[in-house]
Each structure stands twice: as structure tokens, then as C-alpha cells.
């Protein structure tokens, strides 16, 4: 599965996803740290990537549109990078199952 990791998350999250065998890139790798939501949205579409984000605006945008990327909305609160990455990796089988069945918005809340 291909993932585009939004700026609120560390590039290490994309690294961890790649280590697990996924095609993942962080917006920083695309020189998009200061990009608008619209530009990030368009990049996810262009790359056929699922957008990994904390930004609720993307979930609202996805709910309002017929077309667009799938969204993994991560809501784990304030936590260190290690704990964040661990939470995502521990939940990957559930997230992937939801994405493969066609869920457009998948929420990870802790």
C-alpha cells in the first residue's frame, strides 16, 4: 500500500512504514512541508496514496467529495515519536483491512 505522511508527523513514520514493506513518503521528502492542504490533497491523488494525517480538515474534505484519497486519520494525542510510530504499526493490520475493503476514512484513536 502507498502512503503519503502529512507534515504533523515525523519523517520517521514514513521510514517505519517502508521498513514494514509499504510504499511511504513524507511530505518533507517532496519539499511540501509548507504546502497547502489543497496541494497535499492533490499530491495524494496524483500518487494514488492514502493520506496519513492528524488534520481533521482532510476528513471533512473527503466526506464532502466523491473522489479523493483514502485518509488514515490518526488521533493519538500528544505523544512521543516512538509511541506514535508504535501505535500506528500495532494497528496496521486493522488499518489495512479497512482500506482494502474500501473505507475512505479510517480513524486510529487512542
C-alpha atoms as a PDB file:
ATOM      1  CA  UNK A   1       0.000   0.000   0.000  1.00  0.00           C
ATOM      2  CA  UNK A   2       1.169   3.532  -0.740  1.00  0.00           C
ATOM      3  CA  UNK A   3       1.069   6.226   1.950  1.00  0.00           C
ATOM      4  CA  UNK A   4       1.690   9.979   1.967  1.00  0.00           C
ATOM      5  CA  UNK A   5       2.544  11.097   5.510  1.00  0.00           C
ATOM      6  CA  UNK A   6       1.450  14.636   6.399  1.00  0.00           C
ATOM      7  CA  UNK A   7       3.674  17.278   8.000  1.00  0.00           C
ATOM      8  CA  UNK A   8       2.330  16.866  11.557  1.00  0.00           C
ATOM      9  CA  UNK A   9       4.118  13.529  11.774  1.00  0.00           C
ATOM     10  CA  UNK A  10       7.856  12.877  11.846  1.00  0.00           C
ATOM     11  CA  UNK A  11       9.555  11.584   8.705  1.00  0.00           C
ATOM     12  CA  UNK A  12      10.441   8.550  10.841  1.00  0.00           C
ATOM     13  CA  UNK A  13       6.812   7.407  10.482  1.00  0.00           C
ATOM     14  CA  UNK A  14       7.267   7.085   6.714  1.00  0.00           C
ATOM     15  CA  UNK A  15      10.570   5.301   7.366  1.00  0.00           C
ATOM     16  CA  UNK A  16       8.826   2.841   9.703  1.00  0.00           C
ATOM     17  CA  UNK A  17       6.072   2.179   7.167  1.00  0.00           C
ATOM     18  CA  UNK A  18       8.693   1.497   4.488  1.00  0.00           C
ATOM     19  CA  UNK A  19      10.504  -0.866   6.859  1.00  0.00           C
ATOM     20  CA  UNK A  20       7.217  -2.780   7.122  1.00  0.00           C
ATOM     21  CA  UNK A  21       7.090  -3.144   3.336  1.00  0.00           C
ATOM     22  CA  UNK A  22       4.821  -0.242   2.420  1.00  0.00           C
ATOM     23  CA  UNK A  23       5.458   2.438  -0.158  1.00  0.00           C
ATOM     24  CA  UNK A  24       5.526   5.542   2.048  1.00  0.00           C
ATOM     25  CA  UNK A  25       6.803   9.060   1.647  1.00  0.00           C
ATOM     26  CA  UNK A  26       6.712  12.066   3.942  1.00  0.00           C
ATOM     27  CA  UNK A  27       5.706  15.475   2.600  1.00  0.00           C
ATOM     28  CA  UNK A  28       9.161  16.740   3.635  1.00  0.00           C
ATOM     29  CA  UNK A  29      10.692  14.354   1.088  1.00  0.00           C
ATOM     30  CA  UNK A  30       8.652  16.170  -1.560  1.00  0.00           C
ATOM     31  CA  UNK A  31       9.597  19.654  -0.306  1.00  0.00           C
ATOM     32  CA  UNK A  32       5.968  20.137   0.746  1.00  0.00           C
ATOM     33  CA  UNK A  33       6.314  20.968   4.449  1.00  0.00           C
ATOM     34  CA  UNK A  34       4.716  24.376   3.892  1.00  0.00           C
ATOM     35  CA  UNK A  35       2.272  23.167   1.241  1.00  0.00           C
ATOM     36  CA  UNK A  36      -1.407  23.960   1.441  1.00  0.00           C
ATOM     37  CA  UNK A  37      -3.955  21.285   2.228  1.00  0.00           C
ATOM     38  CA  UNK A  38      -5.088  21.505  -1.400  1.00  0.00           C
ATOM     39  CA  UNK A  39      -1.568  20.796  -2.668  1.00  0.00           C
ATOM     40  CA  UNK A  40      -1.145  17.838  -0.319  1.00  0.00           C
ATOM     41  CA  UNK A  41      -4.579  16.516  -1.308  1.00  0.00           C
ATOM     42  CA  UNK A  42      -3.646  16.768  -4.991  1.00  0.00           C
ATOM     43  CA  UNK A  43      -0.307  15.045  -4.364  1.00  0.00           C
ATOM     44  CA  UNK A  44      -2.059  12.132  -2.646  1.00  0.00           C
ATOM     45  CA  UNK A  45      -4.391  11.794  -5.622  1.00  0.00           C
ATOM     46  CA  UNK A  46      -1.542  12.028  -8.139  1.00  0.00           C
ATOM     47  CA  UNK A  47       0.478   9.409  -6.253  1.00  0.00           C
ATOM     48  CA  UNK A  48      -2.555   7.146  -5.657  1.00  0.00           C
ATOM     49  CA  UNK A  49      -1.598   7.312  -1.995  1.00  0.00           C
ATOM     50  CA  UNK A  50      -3.535   7.066   1.220  1.00  0.00           C
ATOM     51  CA  UNK A  51      -3.027  10.276   3.190  1.00  0.00           C
ATOM     52  CA  UNK A  52      -1.871   9.759   6.790  1.00  0.00           C
ATOM     53  CA  UNK A  53      -2.795  12.852   8.790  1.00  0.00           C
ATOM     54  CA  UNK A  54      -3.868  14.378  12.102  1.00  0.00           C
ATOM     55  CA  UNK A  55      -5.709  17.140  10.253  1.00  0.00           C
ATOM     56  CA  UNK A  56      -9.488  16.844  10.632  1.00  0.00           C
ATOM     57  CA  UNK A  57      -9.925  19.147   7.630  1.00  0.00           C
ATOM     58  CA  UNK A  58      -8.872  16.313   5.330  1.00  0.00           C
ATOM     59  CA  UNK A  59     -11.557  14.021   6.747  1.00  0.00           C
ATOM     60  CA  UNK A  60     -14.188  16.692   6.198  1.00  0.00           C
ATOM     61  CA  UNK A  61     -12.959  17.278   2.675  1.00  0.00           C
ATOM     62  CA  UNK A  62     -13.005  13.541   1.920  1.00  0.00           C
ATOM     63  CA  UNK A  63     -16.526  13.184   3.299  1.00  0.00           C
ATOM     64  CA  UNK A  64     -17.724  16.038   1.091  1.00  0.00           C
ATOM     65  CA  UNK A  65     -16.220  14.753  -2.166  1.00  0.00           C
ATOM     66  CA  UNK A  66     -16.905  11.774  -4.331  1.00  0.00           C
ATOM     67  CA  UNK A  67     -13.281  11.464  -5.381  1.00  0.00           C
ATOM     68  CA  UNK A  68     -10.078  11.778  -3.457  1.00  0.00           C
ATOM     69  CA  UNK A  69      -7.554   9.808  -1.492  1.00  0.00           C
ATOM     70  CA  UNK A  70      -8.346   7.493   1.346  1.00  0.00           C
ATOM     71  CA  UNK A  71      -7.497   9.042   4.698  1.00  0.00           C
ATOM     72  CA  UNK A  72      -5.907   7.484   7.764  1.00  0.00           C
ATOM     73  CA  UNK A  73      -6.852   9.952  10.488  1.00  0.00           C
ATOM     74  CA  UNK A  74      -4.561   9.462  13.469  1.00  0.00           C
ATOM     75  CA  UNK A  75      -5.798  10.839  16.765  1.00  0.00           C
ATOM     76  CA  UNK A  76      -3.398   9.695  19.449  1.00  0.00           C
ATOM     77  CA  UNK A  77      -2.968  12.967  21.307  1.00  0.00           C
ATOM     78  CA  UNK A  78       0.368  14.323  22.428  1.00  0.00           C
ATOM     79  CA  UNK A  79       2.867  11.513  22.485  1.00  0.00           C
ATOM     80  CA  UNK A  80       6.494  10.946  21.642  1.00  0.00           C
ATOM     81  CA  UNK A  81       7.516   9.858  18.181  1.00  0.00           C
ATOM     82  CA  UNK A  82       8.374   6.340  19.314  1.00  0.00           C
ATOM     83  CA  UNK A  83       4.981   5.795  20.925  1.00  0.00           C
ATOM     84  CA  UNK A  84       3.212   7.290  17.911  1.00  0.00           C
ATOM     85  CA  UNK A  85       5.036   5.039  15.477  1.00  0.00           C
ATOM     86  CA  UNK A  86       4.432   2.010  17.698  1.00  0.00           C
ATOM     87  CA  UNK A  87       0.691   2.775  17.847  1.00  0.00           C
ATOM     88  CA  UNK A  88       0.473   3.059  14.069  1.00  0.00           C
ATOM     89  CA  UNK A  89       2.440  -0.128  13.444  1.00  0.00           C
ATOM     90  CA  UNK A  90       0.422  -2.065  16.029  1.00  0.00           C
ATOM     91  CA  UNK A  91      -2.771  -1.000  14.258  1.00  0.00           C
ATOM     92  CA  UNK A  92      -1.584  -1.587  10.685  1.00  0.00           C
ATOM     93  CA  UNK A  93      -3.419  -4.861  10.129  1.00  0.00           C
ATOM     94  CA  UNK A  94      -6.740  -3.244  11.105  1.00  0.00           C
ATOM     95  CA  UNK A  95      -5.990  -0.112   9.084  1.00  0.00           C
ATOM     96  CA  UNK A  96      -5.037  -2.123   6.008  1.00  0.00           C
ATOM     97  CA  UNK A  97      -8.108  -4.323   6.303  1.00  0.00           C
ATOM     98  CA  UNK A  98     -10.366  -1.245   6.401  1.00  0.00           C
ATOM     99  CA  UNK A  99      -8.588   0.388   3.462  1.00  0.00           C
ATOM    100  CA  UNK A 100      -8.702  -2.800   1.380  1.00  0.00           C
ATOM    101  CA  UNK A 101     -12.438  -3.149   1.919  1.00  0.00           C
ATOM    102  CA  UNK A 102     -12.835   0.386   0.568  1.00  0.00           C
ATOM    103  CA  UNK A 103     -13.222   2.556   3.658  1.00  0.00           C
ATOM    104  CA  UNK A 104     -12.396   6.104   2.635  1.00  0.00           C
ATOM    105  CA  UNK A 105     -11.678   7.385   6.149  1.00  0.00           C
ATOM    106  CA  UNK A 106     -10.046   5.150   8.738  1.00  0.00           C
ATOM    107  CA  UNK A 107      -9.562   6.532  12.227  1.00  0.00           C
ATOM    108  CA  UNK A 108      -6.907   5.489  14.672  1.00  0.00           C
ATOM    109  CA  UNK A 109      -7.756   6.908  18.104  1.00  0.00           C
ATOM    110  CA  UNK A 110      -6.003   6.130  21.361  1.00  0.00           C
END
